[in-house]
């Protein structure tokens, strides 16, 4: 049975939240570019930057939480193999 440890809340540092706010602004900018019928190349450039930013945030979340999640599951009595398999399943959903 899967535990909910990977779904527990985590406190994220201000730089990560700021990065997400910056991405949010970029998304609004892309929408405005589309509404103004700006060139495809400019829109694609911005979308690529947004994707890269989201991937950096995603990797930060994975890096900072995966070990903690596995340790918590093992400490709570879940076999380590099962905890690692669950962590891998969660990681695979992100790709």
PDB file of N, CA and C in Angstrom:
ATOM      1  N   UNK A   1       0.845  -1.178   0.000  1.00  0.00           N
ATOM      2  CA  UNK A   1       0.000   0.000   0.000  1.00  0.00           C
ATOM      3  C   UNK A   1       0.893   1.245   0.000  1.00  0.00           C
ATOM      4  N   UNK A   2       0.565   2.209  -0.856  1.00  0.00           N
ATOM      5  CA  UNK A   2       1.366   3.436  -0.925  1.00  0.00           C
ATOM      6  C   UNK A   2       1.034   4.344   0.248  1.00  0.00           C
ATOM      7  N   UNK A   3       2.048   4.941   0.824  1.00  0.00           N
ATOM      8  CA  UNK A   3       1.814   5.917   1.881  1.00  0.00           C
ATOM      9  C   UNK A   3       1.639   7.280   1.253  1.00  0.00           C
ATOM     10  N   UNK A   4       1.255   8.243   2.069  1.00  0.00           N
ATOM     11  CA  UNK A   4       1.065   9.609   1.580  1.00  0.00           C
ATOM     12  C   UNK A   4       2.247  10.498   1.908  1.00  0.00           C
ATOM     13  N   UNK A   5       3.381   9.922   2.277  1.00  0.00           N
ATOM     14  CA  UNK A   5       4.529  10.733   2.671  1.00  0.00           C
ATOM     15  C   UNK A   5       4.965  11.667   1.558  1.00  0.00           C
ATOM     16  N   UNK A   6       4.945  11.210   0.315  1.00  0.00           N
ATOM     17  CA  UNK A   6       5.378  12.061  -0.786  1.00  0.00           C
ATOM     18  C   UNK A   6       4.407  13.208  -1.029  1.00  0.00           C
ATOM     19  N   UNK A   7       3.230  13.157  -0.408  1.00  0.00           N
ATOM     20  CA  UNK A   7       2.247  14.221  -0.561  1.00  0.00           C
ATOM     21  C   UNK A   7       2.248  15.190   0.616  1.00  0.00           C
ATOM     22  N   UNK A   8       3.049  14.924   1.640  1.00  0.00           N
ATOM     23  CA  UNK A   8       3.086  15.806   2.804  1.00  0.00           C
ATOM     24  C   UNK A   8       3.586  17.179   2.417  1.00  0.00           C
ATOM     25  N   UNK A   9       3.157  18.178   3.192  1.00  0.00           N
ATOM     26  CA  UNK A   9       3.573  19.547   2.882  1.00  0.00           C
ATOM     27  C   UNK A   9       5.041  19.750   3.244  1.00  0.00           C
ATOM     28  N   UNK A  10       5.650  20.675   2.548  1.00  0.00           N
ATOM     29  CA  UNK A  10       7.045  21.026   2.747  1.00  0.00           C
ATOM     30  C   UNK A  10       7.149  22.529   2.669  1.00  0.00           C
ATOM     31  N   UNK A  11       8.046  23.099   3.450  1.00  0.00           N
ATOM     32  CA  UNK A  11       8.297  24.530   3.364  1.00  0.00           C
ATOM     33  C   UNK A  11       9.361  24.756   2.301  1.00  0.00           C
ATOM     34  N   UNK A  12       9.055  25.628   1.360  1.00  0.00           N
ATOM     35  CA  UNK A  12       9.985  25.922   0.273  1.00  0.00           C
ATOM     36  C   UNK A  12      10.600  27.291   0.486  1.00  0.00           C
ATOM     37  N   UNK A  13      11.874  27.442   0.150  1.00  0.00           N
ATOM     38  CA  UNK A  13      12.568  28.713   0.375  1.00  0.00           C
ATOM     39  C   UNK A  13      12.068  29.812  -0.569  1.00  0.00           C
ATOM     40  N   UNK A  14      12.275  31.032  -0.130  1.00  0.00           N
ATOM     41  CA  UNK A  14      11.830  32.201  -0.880  1.00  0.00           C
ATOM     42  C   UNK A  14      12.355  32.232  -2.317  1.00  0.00           C
ATOM     43  N   UNK A  15      13.634  31.885  -2.582  1.00  0.00           N
ATOM     44  CA  UNK A  15      14.112  31.924  -3.974  1.00  0.00           C
ATOM     45  C   UNK A  15      13.311  31.026  -4.923  1.00  0.00           C
ATOM     46  N   UNK A  16      12.847  29.887  -4.442  1.00  0.00           N
ATOM     47  CA  UNK A  16      12.042  28.997  -5.287  1.00  0.00           C
ATOM     48  C   UNK A  16      10.685  29.625  -5.555  1.00  0.00           C
ATOM     49  N   UNK A  17      10.079  30.186  -4.537  1.00  0.00           N
ATOM     50  CA  UNK A  17       8.791  30.860  -4.732  1.00  0.00           C
ATOM     51  C   UNK A  17       8.943  32.044  -5.672  1.00  0.00           C
ATOM     52  N   UNK A  18      10.047  32.776  -5.543  1.00  0.00           N
ATOM     53  CA  UNK A  18      10.298  33.906  -6.445  1.00  0.00           C
ATOM     54  C   UNK A  18      10.467  33.431  -7.883  1.00  0.00           C
ATOM     55  N   UNK A  19      11.148  32.313  -8.059  1.00  0.00           N
ATOM     56  CA  UNK A  19      11.329  31.770  -9.409  1.00  0.00           C
ATOM     57  C   UNK A  19       9.974  31.420 -10.020  1.00  0.00           C
ATOM     58  N   UNK A  20       9.093  30.833  -9.226  1.00  0.00           N
ATOM     59  CA  UNK A  20       7.759  30.500  -9.732  1.00  0.00           C
ATOM     60  C   UNK A  20       6.958  31.756 -10.063  1.00  0.00           C
ATOM     61  N   UNK A  21       7.114  32.788  -9.272  1.00  0.00           N
ATOM     62  CA  UNK A  21       6.436  34.056  -9.588  1.00  0.00           C
ATOM     63  C   UNK A  21       6.964  34.644 -10.898  1.00  0.00           C
ATOM     64  N   UNK A  22       8.253  34.514 -11.112  1.00  0.00           N
ATOM     65  CA  UNK A  22       8.858  34.997 -12.355  1.00  0.00           C
ATOM     66  C   UNK A  22       8.304  34.197 -13.541  1.00  0.00           C
ATOM     67  N   UNK A  23       8.181  32.896 -13.371  1.00  0.00           N
ATOM     68  CA  UNK A  23       7.611  32.042 -14.417  1.00  0.00           C
ATOM     69  C   UNK A  23       6.161  32.437 -14.679  1.00  0.00           C
ATOM     70  N   UNK A  24       5.436  32.711 -13.613  1.00  0.00           N
ATOM     71  CA  UNK A  24       4.044  33.148 -13.759  1.00  0.00           C
ATOM     72  C   UNK A  24       3.971  34.421 -14.612  1.00  0.00           C
ATOM     73  N   UNK A  25       4.872  35.353 -14.354  1.00  0.00           N
ATOM     74  CA  UNK A  25       4.924  36.583 -15.140  1.00  0.00           C
ATOM     75  C   UNK A  25       5.276  36.306 -16.595  1.00  0.00           C
ATOM     76  N   UNK A  26       6.187  35.366 -16.808  1.00  0.00           N
ATOM     77  CA  UNK A  26       6.547  35.002 -18.182  1.00  0.00           C
ATOM     78  C   UNK A  26       5.350  34.399 -18.918  1.00  0.00           C
ATOM     79  N   UNK A  27       4.571  33.590 -18.223  1.00  0.00           N
ATOM     80  CA  UNK A  27       3.383  33.006 -18.842  1.00  0.00           C
ATOM     81  C   UNK A  27       2.388  34.088 -19.250  1.00  0.00           C
ATOM     82  N   UNK A  28       2.187  35.046 -18.373  1.00  0.00           N
ATOM     83  CA  UNK A  28       1.301  36.165 -18.719  1.00  0.00           C
ATOM     84  C   UNK A  28       1.843  36.919 -19.930  1.00  0.00           C
ATOM     85  N   UNK A  29       3.160  37.095 -19.955  1.00  0.00           N
ATOM     86  CA  UNK A  29       3.784  37.774 -21.079  1.00  0.00           C
ATOM     87  C   UNK A  29       3.570  37.028 -22.386  1.00  0.00           C
ATOM     88  N   UNK A  30       3.664  35.704 -22.352  1.00  0.00           N
ATOM     89  CA  UNK A  30       3.443  34.904 -23.559  1.00  0.00           C
ATOM     90  C   UNK A  30       1.997  35.045 -24.023  1.00  0.00           C
ATOM     91  N   UNK A  31       1.077  35.016 -23.089  1.00  0.00           N
ATOM     92  CA  UNK A  31      -0.328  35.189 -23.453  1.00  0.00           C
ATOM     93  C   UNK A  31      -0.539  36.544 -24.125  1.00  0.00           C
ATOM     94  N   UNK A  32       0.074  37.584 -23.571  1.00  0.00           N
ATOM     95  CA  UNK A  32      -0.026  38.913 -24.184  1.00  0.00           C
ATOM     96  C   UNK A  32       0.595  38.920 -25.577  1.00  0.00           C
ATOM     97  N   UNK A  33       1.725  38.251 -25.728  1.00  0.00           N
ATOM     98  CA  UNK A  33       2.370  38.167 -27.039  1.00  0.00           C
ATOM     99  C   UNK A  33       1.439  37.505 -28.051  1.00  0.00           C
ATOM    100  N   UNK A  34       0.767  36.458 -27.615  1.00  0.00           N
ATOM    101  CA  UNK A  34      -0.161  35.756 -28.506  1.00  0.00           C
ATOM    102  C   UNK A  34      -1.353  36.633 -28.864  1.00  0.00           C
ATOM    103  N   UNK A  35      -1.865  37.350 -27.858  1.00  0.00           N
ATOM    104  CA  UNK A  35      -3.002  38.238 -28.117  1.00  0.00           C
ATOM    105  C   UNK A  35      -2.623  39.358 -29.079  1.00  0.00           C
ATOM    106  N   UNK A  36      -1.364  39.793 -29.043  1.00  0.00           N
ATOM    107  CA  UNK A  36      -0.884  40.835 -29.959  1.00  0.00           C
ATOM    108  C   UNK A  36      -0.402  40.239 -31.280  1.00  0.00           C
ATOM    109  N   UNK A  37      -0.537  38.913 -31.395  1.00  0.00           N
ATOM    110  CA  UNK A  37      -0.119  38.185 -32.594  1.00  0.00           C
ATOM    111  C   UNK A  37       1.346  38.429 -32.933  1.00  0.00           C
ATOM    112  N   UNK A  38       2.154  38.396 -31.878  1.00  0.00           N
ATOM    113  CA  UNK A  38       3.589  38.562 -32.048  1.00  0.00           C
ATOM    114  C   UNK A  38       4.182  37.327 -32.726  1.00  0.00           C
ATOM    115  N   UNK A  39       5.370  37.451 -33.263  1.00  0.00           N
ATOM    116  CA  UNK A  39       5.994  36.388 -34.040  1.00  0.00           C
ATOM    117  C   UNK A  39       6.155  35.078 -33.299  1.00  0.00           C
ATOM    118  N   UNK A  40       6.021  34.010 -34.046  1.00  0.00           N
ATOM    119  CA  UNK A  40       6.121  32.652 -33.506  1.00  0.00           C
ATOM    120  C   UNK A  40       7.475  32.415 -32.839  1.00  0.00           C
ATOM    121  N   UNK A  41       8.544  32.894 -33.440  1.00  0.00           N
ATOM    122  CA  UNK A  41       9.882  32.673 -32.893  1.00  0.00           C
ATOM    123  C   UNK A  41      10.008  33.291 -31.496  1.00  0.00           C
ATOM    124  N   UNK A  42       9.477  34.501 -31.311  1.00  0.00           N
ATOM    125  CA  UNK A  42       9.537  35.156 -30.002  1.00  0.00           C
ATOM    126  C   UNK A  42       8.732  34.386 -28.961  1.00  0.00           C
ATOM    127  N   UNK A  43       7.553  33.924 -29.367  1.00  0.00           N
ATOM    128  CA  UNK A  43       6.709  33.143 -28.455  1.00  0.00           C
ATOM    129  C   UNK A  43       7.423  31.849 -28.073  1.00  0.00           C
ATOM    130  N   UNK A  44       7.984  31.165 -29.044  1.00  0.00           N
ATOM    131  CA  UNK A  44       8.679  29.905 -28.769  1.00  0.00           C
ATOM    132  C   UNK A  44       9.891  30.116 -27.864  1.00  0.00           C
ATOM    133  N   UNK A  45      10.599  31.215 -28.053  1.00  0.00           N
ATOM    134  CA  UNK A  45      11.748  31.522 -27.194  1.00  0.00           C
ATOM    135  C   UNK A  45      11.300  31.665 -25.748  1.00  0.00           C
ATOM    136  N   UNK A  46      10.209  32.385 -25.535  1.00  0.00           N
ATOM    137  CA  UNK A  46       9.698  32.574 -24.181  1.00  0.00           C
ATOM    138  C   UNK A  46       9.187  31.263 -23.590  1.00  0.00           C
ATOM    139  N   UNK A  47       8.501  30.466 -24.397  1.00  0.00           N
ATOM    140  CA  UNK A  47       8.014  29.178 -23.901  1.00  0.00           C
ATOM    141  C   UNK A  47       9.170  28.259 -23.513  1.00  0.00           C
ATOM    142  N   UNK A  48      10.247  28.302 -24.261  1.00  0.00           N
ATOM    143  CA  UNK A  48      11.428  27.498 -23.915  1.00  0.00           C
ATOM    144  C   UNK A  48      12.028  27.957 -22.592  1.00  0.00           C
ATOM    145  N   UNK A  49      12.067  29.262 -22.384  1.00  0.00           N
ATOM    146  CA  UNK A  49      12.587  29.801 -21.120  1.00  0.00           C
ATOM    147  C   UNK A  49      11.696  29.385 -19.956  1.00  0.00           C
ATOM    148  N   UNK A  50      10.392  29.403 -20.180  1.00  0.00           N
ATOM    149  CA  UNK A  50       9.449  28.994 -19.132  1.00  0.00           C
ATOM    150  C   UNK A  50       9.660  27.523 -18.791  1.00  0.00           C
ATOM    151  N   UNK A  51       9.762  26.694 -19.812  1.00  0.00           N
ATOM    152  CA  UNK A  51       9.961  25.260 -19.575  1.00  0.00           C
ATOM    153  C   UNK A  51      11.246  25.009 -18.788  1.00  0.00           C
ATOM    154  N   UNK A  52      12.311  25.688 -19.163  1.00  0.00           N
ATOM    155  CA  UNK A  52      13.584  25.515 -18.455  1.00  0.00           C
ATOM    156  C   UNK A  52      13.450  25.941 -16.996  1.00  0.00           C
ATOM    157  N   UNK A  53      12.744  27.031 -16.756  1.00  0.00           N
ATOM    158  CA  UNK A  53      12.537  27.497 -15.388  1.00  0.00           C
ATOM    159  C   UNK A  53      11.738  26.509 -14.563  1.00  0.00           C
ATOM    160  N   UNK A  54      10.685  25.967 -15.150  1.00  0.00           N
ATOM    161  CA  UNK A  54       9.866  24.973 -14.451  1.00  0.00           C
ATOM    162  C   UNK A  54      10.694  23.727 -14.157  1.00  0.00           C
ATOM    163  N   UNK A  55      11.505  23.306 -15.106  1.00  0.00           N
ATOM    164  CA  UNK A  55      12.344  22.127 -14.882  1.00  0.00           C
ATOM    165  C   UNK A  55      13.348  22.355 -13.756  1.00  0.00           C
ATOM    166  N   UNK A  56      13.889  23.568 -13.646  1.00  0.00           N
ATOM    167  CA  UNK A  56      14.820  23.858 -12.542  1.00  0.00           C
ATOM    168  C   UNK A  56      14.099  23.779 -11.197  1.00  0.00           C
ATOM    169  N   UNK A  57      12.895  24.322 -11.135  1.00  0.00           N
ATOM    170  CA  UNK A  57      12.127  24.244  -9.892  1.00  0.00           C
ATOM    171  C   UNK A  57      11.817  22.784  -9.577  1.00  0.00           C
ATOM    172  N   UNK A  58      11.404  22.051 -10.575  1.00  0.00           N
ATOM    173  CA  UNK A  58      11.080  20.641 -10.389  1.00  0.00           C
ATOM    174  C   UNK A  58      12.283  19.863  -9.857  1.00  0.00           C
ATOM    175  N   UNK A  59      13.446  20.087 -10.417  1.00  0.00           N
ATOM    176  CA  UNK A  59      14.641  19.382  -9.956  1.00  0.00           C
ATOM    177  C   UNK A  59      14.998  19.773  -8.523  1.00  0.00           C
ATOM    178  N   UNK A  60      14.799  21.032  -8.176  1.00  0.00           N
ATOM    179  CA  UNK A  60      15.049  21.454  -6.801  1.00  0.00           C
ATOM    180  C   UNK A  60      14.128  20.685  -5.856  1.00  0.00           C
ATOM    181  N   UNK A  61      12.844  20.636  -6.193  1.00  0.00           N
ATOM    182  CA  UNK A  61      11.873  19.952  -5.338  1.00  0.00           C
ATOM    183  C   UNK A  61      12.243  18.476  -5.205  1.00  0.00           C
ATOM    184  N   UNK A  62      12.589  17.856  -6.296  1.00  0.00           N
ATOM    185  CA  UNK A  62      12.979  16.444  -6.251  1.00  0.00           C
ATOM    186  C   UNK A  62      14.217  16.260  -5.382  1.00  0.00           C
ATOM    187  N   UNK A  63      15.224  17.078  -5.616  1.00  0.00           N
ATOM    188  CA  UNK A  63      16.491  16.931  -4.892  1.00  0.00           C
ATOM    189  C   UNK A  63      16.334  17.145  -3.400  1.00  0.00           C
ATOM    190  N   UNK A  64      15.533  18.121  -3.006  1.00  0.00           N
ATOM    191  CA  UNK A  64      15.427  18.435  -1.586  1.00  0.00           C
ATOM    192  C   UNK A  64      14.440  17.551  -0.841  1.00  0.00           C
ATOM    193  N   UNK A  65      13.521  16.936  -1.556  1.00  0.00           N
ATOM    194  CA  UNK A  65      12.477  16.183  -0.873  1.00  0.00           C
ATOM    195  C   UNK A  65      12.611  14.673  -0.952  1.00  0.00           C
ATOM    196  N   UNK A  66      13.247  14.161  -1.982  1.00  0.00           N
ATOM    197  CA  UNK A  66      13.264  12.722  -2.176  1.00  0.00           C
ATOM    198  C   UNK A  66      13.915  11.992  -0.999  1.00  0.00           C
ATOM    199  N   UNK A  67      15.079  12.424  -0.588  1.00  0.00           N
ATOM    200  CA  UNK A  67      15.752  11.754   0.522  1.00  0.00           C
ATOM    201  C   UNK A  67      14.926  11.862   1.801  1.00  0.00           C
ATOM    202  N   UNK A  68      14.390  13.053   2.069  1.00  0.00           N
ATOM    203  CA  UNK A  68      13.578  13.249   3.269  1.00  0.00           C
ATOM    204  C   UNK A  68      12.367  12.323   3.257  1.00  0.00           C
ATOM    205  N   UNK A  69      11.705  12.231   2.115  1.00  0.00           N
ATOM    206  CA  UNK A  69      10.518  11.386   2.015  1.00  0.00           C
ATOM    207  C   UNK A  69      10.848   9.918   2.267  1.00  0.00           C
ATOM    208  N   UNK A  70      11.928   9.453   1.683  1.00  0.00           N
ATOM    209  CA  UNK A  70      12.314   8.053   1.870  1.00  0.00           C
ATOM    210  C   UNK A  70      12.663   7.794   3.330  1.00  0.00           C
ATOM    211  N   UNK A  71      13.424   8.697   3.944  1.00  0.00           N
ATOM    212  CA  UNK A  71      13.784   8.517   5.357  1.00  0.00           C
ATOM    213  C   UNK A  71      12.538   8.472   6.241  1.00  0.00           C
ATOM    214  N   UNK A  72      11.571   9.364   5.977  1.00  0.00           N
ATOM    215  CA  UNK A  72      10.350   9.387   6.784  1.00  0.00           C
ATOM    216  C   UNK A  72       9.569   8.088   6.635  1.00  0.00           C
ATOM    217  N   UNK A  73       9.491   7.573   5.420  1.00  0.00           N
ATOM    218  CA  UNK A  73       8.754   6.333   5.207  1.00  0.00           C
ATOM    219  C   UNK A  73       9.428   5.159   5.902  1.00  0.00           C
ATOM    220  N   UNK A  74      10.743   5.078   5.808  1.00  0.00           N
ATOM    221  CA  UNK A  74      11.470   3.988   6.460  1.00  0.00           C
ATOM    222  C   UNK A  74      11.331   4.112   7.975  1.00  0.00           C
ATOM    223  N   UNK A  75      11.438   5.321   8.499  1.00  0.00           N
ATOM    224  CA  UNK A  75      11.299   5.551   9.937  1.00  0.00           C
ATOM    225  C   UNK A  75       9.907   5.157  10.425  1.00  0.00           C
ATOM    226  N   UNK A  76       8.887   5.365   9.577  1.00  0.00           N
ATOM    227  CA  UNK A  76       7.518   5.038   9.975  1.00  0.00           C
ATOM    228  C   UNK A  76       7.213   3.547   9.826  1.00  0.00           C
ATOM    229  N   UNK A  77       8.203   2.759   9.395  1.00  0.00           N
ATOM    230  CA  UNK A  77       8.024   1.319   9.339  1.00  0.00           C
ATOM    231  C   UNK A  77       7.861   0.741   7.947  1.00  0.00           C
ATOM    232  N   UNK A  78       7.799   1.570   6.938  1.00  0.00           N
ATOM    233  CA  UNK A  78       7.684   1.049   5.577  1.00  0.00           C
ATOM    234  C   UNK A  78       9.029   0.449   5.170  1.00  0.00           C
ATOM    235  N   UNK A  79       9.034  -0.732   4.562  1.00  0.00           N
ATOM    236  CA  UNK A  79      10.304  -1.318   4.114  1.00  0.00           C
ATOM    237  C   UNK A  79      11.030  -0.372   3.158  1.00  0.00           C
ATOM    238  N   UNK A  80      12.346  -0.321   3.271  1.00  0.00           N
ATOM    239  CA  UNK A  80      13.114   0.624   2.456  1.00  0.00           C
ATOM    240  C   UNK A  80      12.935   0.373   0.963  1.00  0.00           C
ATOM    241  N   UNK A  81      12.833  -0.884   0.564  1.00  0.00           N
ATOM    242  CA  UNK A  81      12.638  -1.189  -0.856  1.00  0.00           C
ATOM    243  C   UNK A  81      11.336  -0.584  -1.357  1.00  0.00           C
ATOM    244  N   UNK A  82      10.288  -0.722  -0.575  1.00  0.00           N
ATOM    245  CA  UNK A  82       8.985  -0.168  -0.951  1.00  0.00           C
ATOM    246  C   UNK A  82       9.044   1.357  -1.005  1.00  0.00           C
ATOM    247  N   UNK A  83       9.710   1.971  -0.044  1.00  0.00           N
ATOM    248  CA  UNK A  83       9.834   3.432  -0.016  1.00  0.00           C
ATOM    249  C   UNK A  83      10.595   3.936  -1.237  1.00  0.00           C
ATOM    250  N   UNK A  84      11.652   3.240  -1.598  1.00  0.00           N
ATOM    251  CA  UNK A  84      12.438   3.634  -2.773  1.00  0.00           C
ATOM    252  C   UNK A  84      11.618   3.448  -4.044  1.00  0.00           C
ATOM    253  N   UNK A  85      10.883   2.347  -4.140  1.00  0.00           N
ATOM    254  CA  UNK A  85      10.042   2.119  -5.324  1.00  0.00           C
ATOM    255  C   UNK A  85       8.984   3.211  -5.460  1.00  0.00           C
ATOM    256  N   UNK A  86       8.381   3.616  -4.348  1.00  0.00           N
ATOM    257  CA  UNK A  86       7.387   4.689  -4.388  1.00  0.00           C
ATOM    258  C   UNK A  86       8.027   5.998  -4.837  1.00  0.00           C
ATOM    259  N   UNK A  87       9.214   6.273  -4.332  1.00  0.00           N
ATOM    260  CA  UNK A  87       9.919   7.495  -4.728  1.00  0.00           C
ATOM    261  C   UNK A  87      10.229   7.478  -6.225  1.00  0.00           C
ATOM    262  N   UNK A  88      10.623   6.327  -6.735  1.00  0.00           N
ATOM    263  CA  UNK A  88      10.913   6.211  -8.171  1.00  0.00           C
ATOM    264  C   UNK A  88       9.639   6.414  -8.987  1.00  0.00           C
ATOM    265  N   UNK A  89       8.526   5.844  -8.531  1.00  0.00           N
ATOM    266  CA  UNK A  89       7.254   6.049  -9.247  1.00  0.00           C
ATOM    267  C   UNK A  89       6.892   7.527  -9.283  1.00  0.00           C
ATOM    268  N   UNK A  90       7.069   8.215  -8.167  1.00  0.00           N
ATOM    269  CA  UNK A  90       6.772   9.651  -8.128  1.00  0.00           C
ATOM    270  C   UNK A  90       7.687  10.418  -9.069  1.00  0.00           C
ATOM    271  N   UNK A  91       8.951  10.045  -9.093  1.00  0.00           N
ATOM    272  CA  UNK A  91       9.909  10.695  -9.986  1.00  0.00           C
ATOM    273  C   UNK A  91       9.545  10.448 -11.444  1.00  0.00           C
ATOM    274  N   UNK A  92       9.143   9.244 -11.775  1.00  0.00           N
ATOM    275  CA  UNK A  92       8.794   8.916 -13.157  1.00  0.00           C
ATOM    276  C   UNK A  92       7.576   9.700 -13.637  1.00  0.00           C
ATOM    277  N   UNK A  93       6.679  10.043 -12.741  1.00  0.00           N
ATOM    278  CA  UNK A  93       5.509  10.839 -13.121  1.00  0.00           C
ATOM    279  C   UNK A  93       5.899  12.249 -13.534  1.00  0.00           C
ATOM    280  N   UNK A  94       7.070  12.708 -13.115  1.00  0.00           N
ATOM    281  CA  UNK A  94       7.489  14.079 -13.418  1.00  0.00           C
ATOM    282  C   UNK A  94       8.173  14.190 -14.765  1.00  0.00           C
ATOM    283  N   UNK A  95       8.498  13.069 -15.379  1.00  0.00           N
ATOM    284  CA  UNK A  95       9.208  13.143 -16.662  1.00  0.00           C
ATOM    285  C   UNK A  95       8.301  12.842 -17.823  1.00  0.00           C
TER     286      UNK A  95
END
